Protein backbone atom coordinates (compact mmCIF):
# COMPACT_ATOMS: atom_id res chain seq x y z
CA MET A 1 15.03 -18.24 -10.70
CA THR A 2 15.51 -16.79 -14.16
CA THR A 3 18.81 -16.39 -16.00
CA ASP A 4 17.66 -13.24 -17.79
CA HIS A 5 19.75 -10.13 -17.32
CA TRP A 6 17.58 -7.41 -15.77
CA LEU A 7 18.23 -3.67 -16.11
CA LYS A 8 17.20 -0.98 -13.64
CA SER A 9 17.16 2.73 -14.36
CA SER A 10 20.02 4.75 -12.91
CA HIS A 11 17.29 7.17 -11.81
CA SER A 12 15.55 4.62 -9.59
CA SER A 13 14.98 5.67 -6.00
CA ALA A 14 17.16 4.45 -3.14
CA ASN A 15 14.25 2.50 -1.61
CA GLY A 16 14.01 0.32 -4.73
CA ASP A 17 10.59 1.49 -5.92
CA CYS A 18 11.03 0.93 -9.61
CA VAL A 19 10.59 -1.54 -12.39
CA GLU A 20 13.26 -3.50 -14.21
CA LEU A 21 13.39 -4.57 -17.87
CA THR A 22 15.08 -7.55 -19.42
CA ARG A 23 17.99 -6.71 -21.64
CA SER A 24 15.85 -7.84 -24.58
CA LEU A 25 13.20 -5.28 -23.45
CA ASP A 26 10.36 -7.77 -23.65
CA ARG A 27 9.53 -8.26 -19.95
CA ILE A 28 9.03 -6.00 -16.93
CA ARG A 29 9.08 -6.85 -13.22
CA ASP A 30 8.86 -5.12 -9.85
CA SER A 31 12.39 -4.62 -8.56
CA LYS A 32 11.22 -5.32 -4.99
CA ASP A 33 9.98 -8.79 -6.00
CA PRO A 34 12.58 -10.28 -8.35
CA ASP A 35 11.12 -13.78 -8.04
CA GLY A 36 7.58 -12.55 -8.59
CA PRO A 37 5.54 -12.31 -11.76
CA THR A 38 6.74 -10.60 -14.91
CA LEU A 39 4.77 -8.74 -17.55
CA ASN A 40 5.41 -9.44 -21.22
CA VAL A 41 5.55 -6.18 -23.16
CA ASN A 42 5.95 -4.86 -26.66
CA VAL A 43 8.29 -1.93 -26.02
CA ARG A 44 7.46 -0.15 -29.26
CA GLU A 45 3.75 -0.24 -28.44
CA LEU A 46 4.41 0.84 -24.84
CA VAL A 47 6.52 3.82 -25.92
CA ARG A 48 3.90 4.78 -28.51
CA ALA A 49 1.16 4.64 -25.86
CA VAL A 50 3.19 6.81 -23.46
CA LYS A 51 3.92 9.36 -26.19
CA ASP A 52 0.23 9.40 -27.18
CA GLY A 53 -0.70 10.23 -23.58
CA ARG A 54 -2.74 7.07 -23.02
CA PHE A 55 -1.46 6.82 -19.41
CA ASP A 56 -1.99 10.48 -18.52
CA HIS A 57 -4.49 11.19 -15.76
């Protein structure tokens, strides 16, 4: 179990379908699986990609 402090959006749904970020904003995890895998992220690059529409369908 990790000692990192995880943050969840106040807009997350009641059923828990959301992601959580570490306070340092460098890792993401599935809130339904807190002991599961985490994804290392570069938040600046992620935000830039979202703003550029790279995840739009």
